[in-house]
């Protein structure tokens, strides 16, 4: 799936391109760059941890970087690189990897 500008909005493809290097292809925090990081990357496949995080928190972390959410400053801000549609696709991908949903109050489909 692509946006009008030709940039993909496919969450799986975006995850492989932008996230898997640190978080691992299956979201286990075991990407090839993970060993060199001073703080272990989030494990997106962890349903307990990811289930406690709201969709808005995941969106803000991806867009603004780890430091804005008191996470690792090594997590870059992708808000200048990815569109909001692409970031939402990544949030959906994380939900697939963890096989979980965020708290009910945080789910994007409830906010309209």
C-alpha atoms as a PDB file:
ATOM      1  CA  UNK A   1       0.000   0.000   0.000  1.00  0.00           C
ATOM      2  CA  UNK A   2       1.312   3.460  -0.887  1.00  0.00           C
ATOM      3  CA  UNK A   3       0.322   7.010  -0.142  1.00  0.00           C
ATOM      4  CA  UNK A   4      -0.269   9.520  -2.944  1.00  0.00           C
ATOM      5  CA  UNK A   5       3.373  10.602  -2.695  1.00  0.00           C
ATOM      6  CA  UNK A   6       4.482   7.023  -3.376  1.00  0.00           C
ATOM      7  CA  UNK A   7       5.715   6.436   0.183  1.00  0.00           C
ATOM      8  CA  UNK A   8       4.516   3.142   1.617  1.00  0.00           C
ATOM      9  CA  UNK A   9       1.916   3.030   4.347  1.00  0.00           C
ATOM     10  CA  UNK A  10       2.345  -0.715   4.865  1.00  0.00           C
ATOM     11  CA  UNK A  11       3.152  -1.180   8.554  1.00  0.00           C
ATOM     12  CA  UNK A  12       5.150  -4.381   8.053  1.00  0.00           C
ATOM     13  CA  UNK A  13       7.356  -2.822   5.374  1.00  0.00           C
ATOM     14  CA  UNK A  14       7.851   0.347   7.427  1.00  0.00           C
ATOM     15  CA  UNK A  15       8.738  -1.690  10.506  1.00  0.00           C
ATOM     16  CA  UNK A  16      11.358  -3.665   8.596  1.00  0.00           C
ATOM     17  CA  UNK A  17      12.864  -0.477   7.168  1.00  0.00           C
ATOM     18  CA  UNK A  18      12.850   1.787  10.213  1.00  0.00           C
ATOM     19  CA  UNK A  19      12.485  -0.354  13.355  1.00  0.00           C
ATOM     20  CA  UNK A  20      13.806  -3.893  12.892  1.00  0.00           C
ATOM     21  CA  UNK A  21      17.455  -2.833  13.034  1.00  0.00           C
ATOM     22  CA  UNK A  22      17.085  -2.272  16.772  1.00  0.00           C
ATOM     23  CA  UNK A  23      13.772  -3.825  17.787  1.00  0.00           C
ATOM     24  CA  UNK A  24      14.209  -6.993  15.691  1.00  0.00           C
ATOM     25  CA  UNK A  25      12.153  -8.319  12.805  1.00  0.00           C
ATOM     26  CA  UNK A  26       9.615  -9.856  15.195  1.00  0.00           C
ATOM     27  CA  UNK A  27       9.738  -7.102  17.825  1.00  0.00           C
ATOM     28  CA  UNK A  28      11.743  -8.977  20.435  1.00  0.00           C
ATOM     29  CA  UNK A  29      14.334  -6.230  20.934  1.00  0.00           C
ATOM     30  CA  UNK A  30      16.988  -8.369  19.278  1.00  0.00           C
ATOM     31  CA  UNK A  31      17.798  -6.478  16.092  1.00  0.00           C
ATOM     32  CA  UNK A  32      21.382  -6.447  14.796  1.00  0.00           C
ATOM     33  CA  UNK A  33      22.012  -3.002  16.312  1.00  0.00           C
ATOM     34  CA  UNK A  34      20.613  -3.886  19.745  1.00  0.00           C
ATOM     35  CA  UNK A  35      23.881  -5.227  21.184  1.00  0.00           C
ATOM     36  CA  UNK A  36      25.643  -1.916  20.602  1.00  0.00           C
ATOM     37  CA  UNK A  37      23.006   0.156  22.403  1.00  0.00           C
ATOM     38  CA  UNK A  38      23.483   1.230  26.031  1.00  0.00           C
ATOM     39  CA  UNK A  39      19.742   0.690  26.700  1.00  0.00           C
ATOM     40  CA  UNK A  40      17.929  -2.373  25.376  1.00  0.00           C
ATOM     41  CA  UNK A  41      15.310  -1.512  22.739  1.00  0.00           C
ATOM     42  CA  UNK A  42      11.660  -1.946  23.660  1.00  0.00           C
ATOM     43  CA  UNK A  43      10.306  -5.421  23.056  1.00  0.00           C
ATOM     44  CA  UNK A  44       7.306  -4.754  20.869  1.00  0.00           C
ATOM     45  CA  UNK A  45       6.297  -8.418  21.073  1.00  0.00           C
ATOM     46  CA  UNK A  46       5.826  -8.140  24.861  1.00  0.00           C
ATOM     47  CA  UNK A  47       2.045  -8.014  25.314  1.00  0.00           C
ATOM     48  CA  UNK A  48       2.174  -6.974  28.971  1.00  0.00           C
ATOM     49  CA  UNK A  49       4.450  -3.977  28.412  1.00  0.00           C
ATOM     50  CA  UNK A  50       2.972  -2.877  25.100  1.00  0.00           C
ATOM     51  CA  UNK A  51      -0.572  -3.447  26.341  1.00  0.00           C
ATOM     52  CA  UNK A  52       0.034  -0.901  29.099  1.00  0.00           C
ATOM     53  CA  UNK A  53       1.101   1.768  26.596  1.00  0.00           C
ATOM     54  CA  UNK A  54      -1.542   3.785  24.845  1.00  0.00           C
ATOM     55  CA  UNK A  55      -1.651   4.194  21.084  1.00  0.00           C
ATOM     56  CA  UNK A  56      -0.968   7.900  21.593  1.00  0.00           C
ATOM     57  CA  UNK A  57       2.182   7.141  23.612  1.00  0.00           C
ATOM     58  CA  UNK A  58       3.459   4.825  20.879  1.00  0.00           C
ATOM     59  CA  UNK A  59       2.646   7.448  18.231  1.00  0.00           C
ATOM     60  CA  UNK A  60       4.432  10.178  20.218  1.00  0.00           C
ATOM     61  CA  UNK A  61       7.490   8.003  20.832  1.00  0.00           C
ATOM     62  CA  UNK A  62       7.841   7.128  17.152  1.00  0.00           C
ATOM     63  CA  UNK A  63       7.257  10.698  16.034  1.00  0.00           C
ATOM     64  CA  UNK A  64       9.229  12.525  18.707  1.00  0.00           C
ATOM     65  CA  UNK A  65      11.879  10.017  19.703  1.00  0.00           C
ATOM     66  CA  UNK A  66      12.540   8.092  22.865  1.00  0.00           C
ATOM     67  CA  UNK A  67      13.702  11.012  24.984  1.00  0.00           C
ATOM     68  CA  UNK A  68      10.341  12.798  24.903  1.00  0.00           C
ATOM     69  CA  UNK A  69       8.753   9.780  26.585  1.00  0.00           C
ATOM     70  CA  UNK A  70      11.584   9.259  29.088  1.00  0.00           C
ATOM     71  CA  UNK A  71      12.926   6.384  27.036  1.00  0.00           C
ATOM     72  CA  UNK A  72      16.338   6.081  25.414  1.00  0.00           C
ATOM     73  CA  UNK A  73      17.588   9.227  23.697  1.00  0.00           C
ATOM     74  CA  UNK A  74      19.120   6.885  21.098  1.00  0.00           C
ATOM     75  CA  UNK A  75      15.635   6.235  19.702  1.00  0.00           C
ATOM     76  CA  UNK A  76      15.427   8.805  16.896  1.00  0.00           C
ATOM     77  CA  UNK A  77      12.454  11.017  16.163  1.00  0.00           C
ATOM     78  CA  UNK A  78      10.802   9.895  12.935  1.00  0.00           C
ATOM     79  CA  UNK A  79       8.229  12.697  12.794  1.00  0.00           C
ATOM     80  CA  UNK A  80      10.300  14.599  10.241  1.00  0.00           C
ATOM     81  CA  UNK A  81      10.845  11.487   8.108  1.00  0.00           C
ATOM     82  CA  UNK A  82       7.523   9.645   8.281  1.00  0.00           C
ATOM     83  CA  UNK A  83       4.013  10.979   7.800  1.00  0.00           C
ATOM     84  CA  UNK A  84       1.376  10.699  10.514  1.00  0.00           C
ATOM     85  CA  UNK A  85      -0.316   8.009   8.394  1.00  0.00           C
ATOM     86  CA  UNK A  86       2.931   6.016   8.329  1.00  0.00           C
ATOM     87  CA  UNK A  87       3.423   6.426  12.082  1.00  0.00           C
ATOM     88  CA  UNK A  88      -0.136   5.194  12.684  1.00  0.00           C
ATOM     89  CA  UNK A  89       0.690   2.185  10.471  1.00  0.00           C
ATOM     90  CA  UNK A  90       3.687   1.480  12.707  1.00  0.00           C
ATOM     91  CA  UNK A  91       1.496   1.677  15.818  1.00  0.00           C
ATOM     92  CA  UNK A  92      -0.836  -0.888  14.216  1.00  0.00           C
ATOM     93  CA  UNK A  93       2.184  -3.076  13.389  1.00  0.00           C
ATOM     94  CA  UNK A  94       3.350  -2.963  17.002  1.00  0.00           C
ATOM     95  CA  UNK A  95      -0.151  -4.033  18.068  1.00  0.00           C
ATOM     96  CA  UNK A  96       0.125  -7.001  15.695  1.00  0.00           C
ATOM     97  CA  UNK A  97       3.552  -7.943  17.053  1.00  0.00           C
ATOM     98  CA  UNK A  98       2.409  -7.831  20.680  1.00  0.00           C
ATOM     99  CA  UNK A  99      -0.965  -9.387  19.903  1.00  0.00           C
ATOM    100  CA  UNK A 100      -2.401  -6.792  22.226  1.00  0.00           C
ATOM    101  CA  UNK A 101      -4.279  -3.528  22.386  1.00  0.00           C
ATOM    102  CA  UNK A 102      -3.496  -0.517  24.476  1.00  0.00           C
ATOM    103  CA  UNK A 103      -5.759   0.567  27.316  1.00  0.00           C
ATOM    104  CA  UNK A 104      -9.331   1.063  26.108  1.00  0.00           C
ATOM    105  CA  UNK A 105      -9.205   4.838  26.622  1.00  0.00           C
ATOM    106  CA  UNK A 106      -6.203   5.126  24.295  1.00  0.00           C
ATOM    107  CA  UNK A 107      -7.380   3.250  21.230  1.00  0.00           C
ATOM    108  CA  UNK A 108      -7.393   5.399  18.119  1.00  0.00           C
ATOM    109  CA  UNK A 109     -10.630   3.918  16.807  1.00  0.00           C
ATOM    110  CA  UNK A 110     -12.437   5.187  19.930  1.00  0.00           C
ATOM    111  CA  UNK A 111     -11.269   8.760  19.341  1.00  0.00           C
ATOM    112  CA  UNK A 112     -13.118  10.303  16.411  1.00  0.00           C
END
